[in-house]
Amino acid sequence: DCAGPDRAIEIAAFLSTAPGPGGAPLNMPIEVRQTMSAPTQ
């Protein structure tokens, strides 16, 4: 739950750098999708 899409992308980019074999960043794909909320009225 963050300020907006730019922050969500920033978080995803950081998570993408999780280490893998040899400690190198995996740069794995992280899909970013806004969740839907119920109608207000």
PDB file of all heavy atoms in Angstrom:
ATOM      1  N   ASP A   1       0.882  -1.160   0.000  1.00  0.00           N
ATOM      2  CA  ASP A   1       0.000   0.000   0.000  1.00  0.00           C
ATOM      3  C   ASP A   1       0.920   1.210   0.000  1.00  0.00           C
ATOM      4  O   ASP A   1       1.565   1.514   0.999  1.00  0.00           O
ATOM      5  CB  ASP A   1      -0.883  -0.028   1.249  1.00  0.00           C
ATOM      6  CG  ASP A   1      -2.015   0.990   1.188  1.00  0.00           C
ATOM      7  OD1 ASP A   1      -2.005   1.848   0.280  1.00  0.00           O
ATOM      8  OD2 ASP A   1      -2.899   0.929   2.061  1.00  0.00           O
ATOM      9  N   CYS A   2       1.038   1.838  -1.162  1.00  0.00           N
ATOM     10  CA  CYS A   2       2.035   2.908  -1.313  1.00  0.00           C
ATOM     11  C   CYS A   2       1.422   4.107  -2.034  1.00  0.00           C
ATOM     12  O   CYS A   2       0.275   4.075  -2.435  1.00  0.00           O
ATOM     13  CB  CYS A   2       3.264   2.378  -2.028  1.00  0.00           C
ATOM     14  SG  CYS A   2       2.947   1.688  -3.657  1.00  0.00           S
ATOM     15  N   ALA A   3       2.228   5.136  -2.196  1.00  0.00           N
ATOM     16  CA  ALA A   3       1.755   6.422  -2.722  1.00  0.00           C
ATOM     17  C   ALA A   3       1.228   6.351  -4.152  1.00  0.00           C
ATOM     18  O   ALA A   3       0.378   7.144  -4.530  1.00  0.00           O
ATOM     19  CB  ALA A   3       2.870   7.461  -2.636  1.00  0.00           C
ATOM     20  N   GLY A   4       1.721   5.451  -4.951  1.00  0.00           N
ATOM     21  CA  GLY A   4       1.268   5.400  -6.334  1.00  0.00           C
ATOM     22  C   GLY A   4       2.114   4.464  -7.165  1.00  0.00           C
ATOM     23  O   GLY A   4       2.991   3.764  -6.653  1.00  0.00           O
ATOM     24  N   PRO A   5       1.875   4.456  -8.473  1.00  0.00           N
ATOM     25  CA  PRO A   5       2.553   3.506  -9.344  1.00  0.00           C
ATOM     26  C   PRO A   5       4.066   3.668  -9.388  1.00  0.00           C
ATOM     27  O   PRO A   5       4.788   2.676  -9.487  1.00  0.00           O
ATOM     28  CB  PRO A   5       1.927   3.744 -10.721  1.00  0.00           C
ATOM     29  CG  PRO A   5       1.277   5.081 -10.645  1.00  0.00           C
ATOM     30  CD  PRO A   5       0.933   5.308  -9.203  1.00  0.00           C
ATOM     31  N   ASP A   6       4.554   4.883  -9.276  1.00  0.00           N
ATOM     32  CA  ASP A   6       6.013   5.073  -9.310  1.00  0.00           C
ATOM     33  C   ASP A   6       6.677   4.386  -8.121  1.00  0.00           C
ATOM     34  O   ASP A   6       7.721   3.753  -8.260  1.00  0.00           O
ATOM     35  CB  ASP A   6       6.378   6.561  -9.324  1.00  0.00           C
ATOM     36  CG  ASP A   6       6.004   7.235 -10.634  1.00  0.00           C
ATOM     37  OD1 ASP A   6       5.786   6.528 -11.639  1.00  0.00           O
ATOM     38  OD2 ASP A   6       5.925   8.476 -10.652  1.00  0.00           O
ATOM     39  N   ARG A   7       6.058   4.509  -6.950  1.00  0.00           N
ATOM     40  CA  ARG A   7       6.622   3.851  -5.760  1.00  0.00           C
ATOM     41  C   ARG A   7       6.493   2.335  -5.887  1.00  0.00           C
ATOM     42  O   ARG A   7       7.418   1.607  -5.517  1.00  0.00           O
ATOM     43  CB  ARG A   7       5.935   4.360  -4.485  1.00  0.00           C
ATOM     44  CG  ARG A   7       6.396   3.668  -3.222  1.00  0.00           C
ATOM     45  CD  ARG A   7       7.868   3.886  -2.926  1.00  0.00           C
ATOM     46  NE  ARG A   7       8.226   3.182  -1.694  1.00  0.00           N
ATOM     47  CZ  ARG A   7       9.402   2.619  -1.474  1.00  0.00           C
ATOM     48  NH1 ARG A   7      10.379   2.711  -2.365  1.00  0.00           N
ATOM     49  NH2 ARG A   7       9.630   1.987  -0.349  1.00  0.00           N
ATOM     50  N   ALA A   8       5.397   1.835  -6.404  1.00  0.00           N
ATOM     51  CA  ALA A   8       5.234   0.390  -6.586  1.00  0.00           C
ATOM     52  C   ALA A   8       6.319  -0.148  -7.523  1.00  0.00           C
ATOM     53  O   ALA A   8       6.899  -1.213  -7.273  1.00  0.00           O
ATOM     54  CB  ALA A   8       3.841   0.071  -7.123  1.00  0.00           C
ATOM     55  N   ILE A   9       6.619   0.590  -8.572  1.00  0.00           N
ATOM     56  CA  ILE A   9       7.673   0.189  -9.508  1.00  0.00           C
ATOM     57  C   ILE A   9       9.037   0.238  -8.826  1.00  0.00           C
ATOM     58  O   ILE A   9       9.870  -0.657  -9.024  1.00  0.00           O
ATOM     59  CB  ILE A   9       7.615   1.067 -10.780  1.00  0.00           C
ATOM     60  CG1 ILE A   9       6.369   0.705 -11.590  1.00  0.00           C
ATOM     61  CG2 ILE A   9       8.884   0.935 -11.609  1.00  0.00           C
ATOM     62  CD1 ILE A   9       6.040   1.674 -12.700  1.00  0.00           C
ATOM     63  N   GLU A  10       9.260   1.245  -8.013  1.00  0.00           N
ATOM     64  CA  GLU A  10      10.519   1.344  -7.273  1.00  0.00           C
ATOM     65  C   GLU A  10      10.710   0.138  -6.340  1.00  0.00           C
ATOM     66  O   GLU A  10      11.791  -0.442  -6.279  1.00  0.00           O
ATOM     67  CB  GLU A  10      10.516   2.644  -6.462  1.00  0.00           C
ATOM     68  CG  GLU A  10      11.770   2.909  -5.678  1.00  0.00           C
ATOM     69  CD  GLU A  10      11.673   4.207  -4.877  1.00  0.00           C
ATOM     70  OE1 GLU A  10      10.875   5.099  -5.223  1.00  0.00           O
ATOM     71  OE2 GLU A  10      12.413   4.308  -3.887  1.00  0.00           O
ATOM     72  N   ILE A  11       9.648  -0.244  -5.642  1.00  0.00           N
ATOM     73  CA  ILE A  11       9.714  -1.412  -4.759  1.00  0.00           C
ATOM     74  C   ILE A  11       9.988  -2.669  -5.567  1.00  0.00           C
ATOM     75  O   ILE A  11      10.833  -3.486  -5.212  1.00  0.00           O
ATOM     76  CB  ILE A  11       8.416  -1.553  -3.937  1.00  0.00           C
ATOM     77  CG1 ILE A  11       8.268  -0.375  -2.969  1.00  0.00           C
ATOM     78  CG2 ILE A  11       8.385  -2.877  -3.191  1.00  0.00           C
ATOM     79  CD1 ILE A  11       6.883  -0.261  -2.323  1.00  0.00           C
ATOM     80  N   ALA A  12       9.270  -2.839  -6.681  1.00  0.00           N
ATOM     81  CA  ALA A  12       9.452  -4.022  -7.522  1.00  0.00           C
ATOM     82  C   ALA A  12      10.881  -4.105  -8.053  1.00  0.00           C
ATOM     83  O   ALA A  12      11.481  -5.188  -8.073  1.00  0.00           O
ATOM     84  CB  ALA A  12       8.457  -4.007  -8.678  1.00  0.00           C
ATOM     85  N   ALA A  13      11.441  -2.982  -8.458  1.00  0.00           N
ATOM     86  CA  ALA A  13      12.817  -2.968  -8.971  1.00  0.00           C
ATOM     87  C   ALA A  13      13.798  -3.408  -7.888  1.00  0.00           C
ATOM     88  O   ALA A  13      14.730  -4.171  -8.156  1.00  0.00           O
ATOM     89  CB  ALA A  13      13.179  -1.590  -9.492  1.00  0.00           C
ATOM     90  N   PHE A  14      13.585  -2.947  -6.659  1.00  0.00           N
ATOM     91  CA  PHE A  14      14.441  -3.368  -5.550  1.00  0.00           C
ATOM     92  C   PHE A  14      14.311  -4.869  -5.309  1.00  0.00           C
ATOM     93  O   PHE A  14      15.312  -5.577  -5.184  1.00  0.00           O
ATOM     94  CB  PHE A  14      14.095  -2.580  -4.276  1.00  0.00           C
ATOM     95  CG  PHE A  14      14.784  -3.112  -3.060  1.00  0.00           C
ATOM     96  CD1 PHE A  14      16.152  -2.963  -2.900  1.00  0.00           C
ATOM     97  CD2 PHE A  14      14.073  -3.776  -2.080  1.00  0.00           C
ATOM     98  CE1 PHE A  14      16.804  -3.472  -1.777  1.00  0.00           C
ATOM     99  CE2 PHE A  14      14.707  -4.278  -0.957  1.00  0.00           C
ATOM    100  CZ  PHE A  14      16.072  -4.127  -0.808  1.00  0.00           C
ATOM    101  N   LEU A  15      13.082  -5.371  -5.262  1.00  0.00           N
ATOM    102  CA  LEU A  15      12.868  -6.803  -5.016  1.00  0.00           C
ATOM    103  C   LEU A  15      13.487  -7.655  -6.119  1.00  0.00           C
ATOM    104  O   LEU A  15      13.957  -8.762  -5.869  1.00  0.00           O
ATOM    105  CB  LEU A  15      11.372  -7.096  -4.889  1.00  0.00           C
ATOM    106  CG  LEU A  15      10.681  -6.458  -3.682  1.00  0.00           C
ATOM    107  CD1 LEU A  15       9.170  -6.596  -3.802  1.00  0.00           C
ATOM    108  CD2 LEU A  15      11.188  -7.057  -2.385  1.00  0.00           C
ATOM    109  N   SER A  16      13.502  -7.139  -7.328  1.00  0.00           N
ATOM    110  CA  SER A  16      14.070  -7.850  -8.467  1.00  0.00           C
ATOM    111  C   SER A  16      15.553  -8.156  -8.291  1.00  0.00           C
ATOM    112  O   SER A  16      16.081  -9.075  -8.896  1.00  0.00           O
ATOM    113  CB  SER A  16      13.861  -7.012  -9.738  1.00  0.00           C
ATOM    114  OG  SER A  16      14.478  -7.599 -10.844  1.00  0.00           O
ATOM    115  N   THR A  17      16.212  -7.383  -7.425  1.00  0.00           N
ATOM    116  CA  THR A  17      17.662  -7.542  -7.243  1.00  0.00           C
ATOM    117  C   THR A  17      18.034  -8.594  -6.207  1.00  0.00           C
ATOM    118  O   THR A  17      19.211  -8.702  -5.836  1.00  0.00           O
ATOM    119  CB  THR A  17      18.324  -6.213  -6.842  1.00  0.00           C
ATOM    120  OG1 THR A  17      17.877  -5.829  -5.527  1.00  0.00           O
ATOM    121  CG2 THR A  17      18.037  -5.122  -7.842  1.00  0.00           C
ATOM    122  N   ALA A  18      17.087  -9.382  -5.748  1.00  0.00           N
ATOM    123  CA  ALA A  18      17.403 -10.433  -4.767  1.00  0.00           C
ATOM    124  C   ALA A  18      18.568 -11.279  -5.285  1.00  0.00           C
ATOM    125  O   ALA A  18      18.652 -11.560  -6.486  1.00  0.00           O
ATOM    126  CB  ALA A  18      16.180 -11.310  -4.519  1.00  0.00           C
ATOM    127  N   PRO A  19      19.467 -11.680  -4.383  1.00  0.00           N
ATOM    128  CA  PRO A  19      20.638 -12.432  -4.834  1.00  0.00           C
ATOM    129  C   PRO A  19      20.292 -13.864  -5.229  1.00  0.00           C
ATOM    130  O   PRO A  19      19.385 -14.476  -4.683  1.00  0.00           O
ATOM    131  CB  PRO A  19      21.553 -12.416  -3.602  1.00  0.00           C
ATOM    132  CG  PRO A  19      20.621 -12.292  -2.447  1.00  0.00           C
ATOM    133  CD  PRO A  19      19.486 -11.447  -2.941  1.00  0.00           C
ATOM    134  N   GLY A  20      21.056 -14.365  -6.165  1.00  0.00           N
ATOM    135  CA  GLY A  20      20.939 -15.744  -6.611  1.00  0.00           C
ATOM    136  C   GLY A  20      22.274 -16.435  -6.521  1.00  0.00           C
ATOM    137  O   GLY A  20      23.108 -16.079  -5.674  1.00  0.00           O
ATOM    138  N   PRO A  21      22.538 -17.383  -7.397  1.00  0.00           N
ATOM    139  CA  PRO A  21      23.807 -18.108  -7.379  1.00  0.00           C
ATOM    140  C   PRO A  21      25.005 -17.157  -7.453  1.00  0.00           C
ATOM    141  O   PRO A  21      25.013 -16.207  -8.225  1.00  0.00           O
ATOM    142  CB  PRO A  21      23.724 -19.000  -8.618  1.00  0.00           C
ATOM    143  CG  PRO A  21      22.259 -19.214  -8.822  1.00  0.00           C
ATOM    144  CD  PRO A  21      21.637 -17.905  -8.418  1.00  0.00           C
ATOM    145  N   GLY A  22      25.963 -17.391  -6.605  1.00  0.00           N
ATOM    146  CA  GLY A  22      27.155 -16.558  -6.570  1.00  0.00           C
ATOM    147  C   GLY A  22      26.918 -15.186  -5.972  1.00  0.00           C
ATOM    148  O   GLY A  22      27.794 -14.337  -5.992  1.00  0.00           O
ATOM    149  N   GLY A  23      25.713 -14.937  -5.459  1.00  0.00           N
ATOM    150  CA  GLY A  23      25.392 -13.645  -4.867  1.00  0.00           C
ATOM    151  C   GLY A  23      25.016 -12.577  -5.867  1.00  0.00           C
ATOM    152  O   GLY A  23      24.703 -11.447  -5.493  1.00  0.00           O
ATOM    153  N   ALA A  24      25.040 -12.918  -7.146  1.00  0.00           N
ATOM    154  CA  ALA A  24      24.694 -11.936  -8.184  1.00  0.00           C
ATOM    155  C   ALA A  24      23.197 -11.633  -8.147  1.00  0.00           C
ATOM    156  O   ALA A  24      22.390 -12.529  -7.890  1.00  0.00           O
ATOM    157  CB  ALA A  24      25.070 -12.480  -9.561  1.00  0.00           C
ATOM    158  N   PRO A  25      22.805 -10.380  -8.410  1.00  0.00           N
ATOM    159  CA  PRO A  25      21.378 -10.051  -8.459  1.00  0.00           C
ATOM    160  C   PRO A  25      20.677 -10.876  -9.536  1.00  0.00           C
ATOM    161  O   PRO A  25      21.196 -11.026 -10.647  1.00  0.00           O
ATOM    162  CB  PRO A  25      21.348  -8.566  -8.813  1.00  0.00           C
ATOM    163  CG  PRO A  25      22.714  -8.062  -8.534  1.00  0.00           C
ATOM    164  CD  PRO A  25      23.650  -9.220  -8.677  1.00  0.00           C
ATOM    165  N   LEU A  26      19.495 -11.390  -9.197  1.00  0.00           N
ATOM    166  CA  LEU A  26      18.745 -12.188 -10.166  1.00  0.00           C
ATOM    167  C   LEU A  26      18.108 -11.325 -11.251  1.00  0.00           C
ATOM    168  O   LEU A  26      17.903 -11.783 -12.367  1.00  0.00           O
ATOM    169  CB  LEU A  26      17.641 -12.982  -9.458  1.00  0.00           C
ATOM    170  CG  LEU A  26      18.107 -14.104  -8.548  1.00  0.00           C
ATOM    171  CD1 LEU A  26      16.923 -14.695  -7.787  1.00  0.00           C
ATOM    172  CD2 LEU A  26      18.805 -15.184  -9.357  1.00  0.00           C
ATOM    173  N   ASN A  27      17.781 -10.071 -10.904  1.00  0.00           N
ATOM    174  CA  ASN A  27      17.055  -9.208 -11.839  1.00  0.00           C
ATOM    175  C   ASN A  27      15.833  -9.934 -12.398  1.00  0.00           C
ATOM    176  O   ASN A  27      15.551  -9.901 -13.598  1.00  0.00           O
ATOM    177  CB  ASN A  27      17.974  -8.703 -12.952  1.00  0.00           C
ATOM    178  CG  ASN A  27      19.107  -7.879 -12.394  1.00  0.00           C
ATOM    179  OD1 ASN A  27      18.940  -7.136 -11.431  1.00  0.00           O
ATOM    180  ND2 ASN A  27      20.277  -8.032 -12.966  1.00  0.00           N
ATOM    181  N   MET A  28      15.127 -10.608 -11.487  1.00  0.00           N
ATOM    182  CA  MET A  28      13.958 -11.401 -11.878  1.00  0.00           C
ATOM    183  C   MET A  28      12.778 -10.501 -12.200  1.00  0.00           C
ATOM    184  O   MET A  28      12.676  -9.397 -11.675  1.00  0.00           O
ATOM    185  CB  MET A  28      13.600 -12.386 -10.782  1.00  0.00           C
ATOM    186  CG  MET A  28      13.239 -11.757  -9.467  1.00  0.00           C
ATOM    187  SD  MET A  28      13.141 -12.993  -8.186  1.00  0.00           S
ATOM    188  CE  MET A  28      13.424 -11.949  -6.768  1.00  0.00           C
ATOM    189  N   PRO A  29      11.905 -10.961 -13.072  1.00  0.00           N
ATOM    190  CA  PRO A  29      10.744 -10.139 -13.422  1.00  0.00           C
ATOM    191  C   PRO A  29       9.751 -10.077 -12.265  1.00  0.00           C
ATOM    192  O   PRO A  29       9.437 -11.084 -11.651  1.00  0.00           O
ATOM    193  CB  PRO A  29      10.143 -10.869 -14.627  1.00  0.00           C
ATOM    194  CG  PRO A  29      10.648 -12.262 -14.537  1.00  0.00           C
ATOM    195  CD  PRO A  29      11.952 -12.211 -13.812  1.00  0.00           C
ATOM    196  N   ILE A  30       9.286  -8.872 -11.965  1.00  0.00           N
ATOM    197  CA  ILE A  30       8.256  -8.645 -10.951  1.00  0.00           C
ATOM    198  C   ILE A  30       7.119  -7.909 -11.653  1.00  0.00           C
ATOM    199  O   ILE A  30       7.301  -6.783 -12.140  1.00  0.00           O
ATOM    200  CB  ILE A  30       8.770  -7.794  -9.769  1.00  0.00           C
ATOM    201  CG1 ILE A  30      10.043  -8.375  -9.155  1.00  0.00           C
ATOM    202  CG2 ILE A  30       7.665  -7.598  -8.737  1.00  0.00           C
ATOM    203  CD1 ILE A  30       9.877  -9.629  -8.345  1.00  0.00           C
ATOM    204  N   GLU A  31       5.973  -8.549 -11.749  1.00  0.00           N
ATOM    205  CA  GLU A  31       4.812  -7.910 -12.366  1.00  0.00           C
ATOM    206  C   GLU A  31       4.141  -7.010 -11.335  1.00  0.00           C
ATOM    207  O   GLU A  31       3.929  -7.416 -10.198  1.00  0.00           O
ATOM    208  CB  GLU A  31       3.830  -8.982 -12.843  1.00  0.00           C
ATOM    209  CG  GLU A  31       2.609  -8.421 -13.536  1.00  0.00           C
ATOM    210  CD  GLU A  31       1.664  -9.501 -14.035  1.00  0.00           C
ATOM    211  OE1 GLU A  31       2.082 -10.668 -14.150  1.00  0.00           O
ATOM    212  OE2 GLU A  31       0.502  -9.162 -14.300  1.00  0.00           O
ATOM    213  N   VAL A  32       3.801  -5.780 -11.718  1.00  0.00           N
ATOM    214  CA  VAL A  32       3.158  -4.806 -10.831  1.00  0.00           C
ATOM    215  C   VAL A  32       1.732  -4.601 -11.319  1.00  0.00           C
ATOM    216  O   VAL A  32       1.520  -4.211 -12.472  1.00  0.00           O
ATOM    217  CB  VAL A  32       3.923  -3.462 -10.836  1.00  0.00           C
ATOM    218  CG1 VAL A  32       3.210  -2.429  -9.979  1.00  0.00           C
ATOM    219  CG2 VAL A  32       5.360  -3.665 -10.388  1.00  0.00           C
ATOM    220  N   ARG A  33       0.764  -4.876 -10.414  1.00  0.00           N
ATOM    221  CA  ARG A  33      -0.641  -4.697 -10.786  1.00  0.00           C
ATOM    222  C   ARG A  33      -1.389  -4.019  -9.657  1.00  0.00           C
ATOM    223  O   ARG A  33      -1.307  -4.460  -8.512  1.00  0.00           O
ATOM    224  CB  ARG A  33      -1.286  -6.048 -11.081  1.00  0.00           C
ATOM    225  CG  ARG A  33      -0.552  -6.724 -12.214  1.00  0.00           C
ATOM    226  CD  ARG A  33      -1.230  -7.808 -12.932  1.00  0.00           C
ATOM    227  NE  ARG A  33      -2.622  -7.698 -13.157  1.00  0.00           N
ATOM    228  CZ  ARG A  33      -3.372  -8.773 -13.375  1.00  0.00           C
ATOM    229  NH1 ARG A  33      -2.851  -9.981 -13.358  1.00  0.00           N
ATOM    230  NH2 ARG A  33      -4.657  -8.639 -13.596  1.00  0.00           N
ATOM    231  N   GLN A  34      -2.093  -2.965  -9.971  1.00  0.00           N
ATOM    232  CA  GLN A  34      -2.915  -2.302  -8.964  1.00  0.00           C
ATOM    233  C   GLN A  34      -4.078  -3.215  -8.611  1.00  0.00           C
ATOM    234  O   GLN A  34      -4.653  -3.871  -9.486  1.00  0.00           O
ATOM    235  CB  GLN A  34      -3.433  -0.959  -9.482  1.00  0.00           C
ATOM    236  CG  GLN A  34      -4.166  -0.169  -8.427  1.00  0.00           C
ATOM    237  CD  GLN A  34      -4.534   1.237  -8.878  1.00  0.00           C
ATOM    238  OE1 GLN A  34      -4.203   1.655  -9.980  1.00  0.00           O
ATOM    239  NE2 GLN A  34      -5.222   1.959  -8.026  1.00  0.00           N
ATOM    240  N   THR A  35      -4.422  -3.265  -7.337  1.00  0.00           N
ATOM    241  CA  THR A  35      -5.568  -4.067  -6.930  1.00  0.00           C
ATOM    242  C   THR A  35      -6.841  -3.254  -7.155  1.00  0.00           C
ATOM    243  O   THR A  35      -6.821  -2.020  -7.135  1.00  0.00           O
ATOM    244  CB  THR A  35      -5.478  -4.496  -5.449  1.00  0.00           C
ATOM    245  OG1 THR A  35      -5.503  -3.328  -4.627  1.00  0.00           O
ATOM    246  CG2 THR A  35      -4.221  -5.296  -5.185  1.00  0.00           C
ATOM    247  N   MET A  36      -7.914  -3.960  -7.369  1.00  0.00           N
ATOM    248  CA  MET A  36      -9.203  -3.295  -7.558  1.00  0.00           C
ATOM    249  C   MET A  36      -9.873  -3.172  -6.199  1.00  0.00           C
ATOM    250  O   MET A  36      -9.673  -3.995  -5.311  1.00  0.00           O
ATOM    251  CB  MET A  36     -10.090  -4.112  -8.496  1.00  0.00           C
ATOM    252  CG  MET A  36      -9.562  -4.146  -9.918  1.00  0.00           C
ATOM    253  SD  MET A  36     -10.552  -5.164 -11.030  1.00  0.00           S
ATOM    254  CE  MET A  36     -12.126  -4.354 -10.971  1.00  0.00           C
ATOM    255  N   SER A  37     -10.674  -2.137  -6.053  1.00  0.00           N
ATOM    256  CA  SER A  37     -11.460  -1.986  -4.838  1.00  0.00           C
ATOM    257  C   SER A  37     -12.934  -2.077  -5.207  1.00  0.00           C
ATOM    258  O   SER A  37     -13.310  -1.946  -6.375  1.00  0.00           O
ATOM    259  CB  SER A  37     -11.143  -0.657  -4.161  1.00  0.00           C
ATOM    260  OG  SER A  37     -11.456   0.414  -5.028  1.00  0.00           O
ATOM    261  N   ALA A  38     -13.743  -2.301  -4.210  1.00  0.00           N
ATOM    262  CA  ALA A  38     -15.185  -2.397  -4.444  1.00  0.00           C
ATOM    263  C   ALA A  38     -15.737  -1.038  -4.858  1.00  0.00           C
ATOM    264  O   ALA A  38     -15.174   0.007  -4.509  1.00  0.00           O
ATOM    265  CB  ALA A  38     -15.877  -2.878  -3.181  1.00  0.00           C
ATOM    266  N   PRO A  39     -16.837  -1.040  -5.575  1.00  0.00           N
ATOM    267  CA  PRO A  39     -17.464   0.236  -5.930  1.00  0.00           C
ATOM    268  C   PRO A  39     -17.827   1.020  -4.669  1.00  0.00           C
ATOM    269  O   PRO A  39     -18.182   0.431  -3.649  1.00  0.00           O
ATOM    270  CB  PRO A  39     -18.725  -0.175  -6.687  1.00  0.00           C
ATOM    271  CG  PRO A  39     -18.511  -1.594  -7.091  1.00  0.00           C
ATOM    272  CD  PRO A  39     -17.562  -2.185  -6.098  1.00  0.00           C
ATOM    273  N   THR A  40     -17.725   2.337  -4.743  1.00  0.00           N
ATOM    274  CA  THR A  40     -18.050   3.167  -3.591  1.00  0.00           C
ATOM    275  C   THR A  40     -19.546   3.450  -3.487  1.00  0.00           C
ATOM    276  O   THR A  40     -20.054   3.689  -2.411  1.00  0.00           O
ATOM    277  CB  THR A  40     -17.280   4.496  -3.642  1.00  0.00           C
ATOM    278  OG1 THR A  40     -17.562   5.131  -4.887  1.00  0.00           O
ATOM    279  CG2 THR A  40     -15.790   4.242  -3.511  1.00  0.00           C
ATOM    280  N   GLN A  41     -20.230   3.463  -4.603  1.00  0.00           N
ATOM    281  CA  GLN A  41     -21.679   3.690  -4.616  1.00  0.00           C
ATOM    282  C   GLN A  41     -22.307   2.724  -5.592  1.00  0.00           C
ATOM    283  O   GLN A  41     -21.666   2.249  -6.525  1.00  0.00           O
ATOM    284  CB  GLN A  41     -22.007   5.108  -5.051  1.00  0.00           C
ATOM    285  CG  GLN A  41     -21.483   6.155  -4.091  1.00  0.00           C
ATOM    286  CD  GLN A  41     -21.831   7.572  -4.607  1.00  0.00           C
ATOM    287  OE1 GLN A  41     -22.642   7.723  -5.514  1.00  0.00           O
ATOM    288  NE2 GLN A  41     -21.229   8.573  -4.018  1.00  0.00           N
TER     289      GLN A  41
END
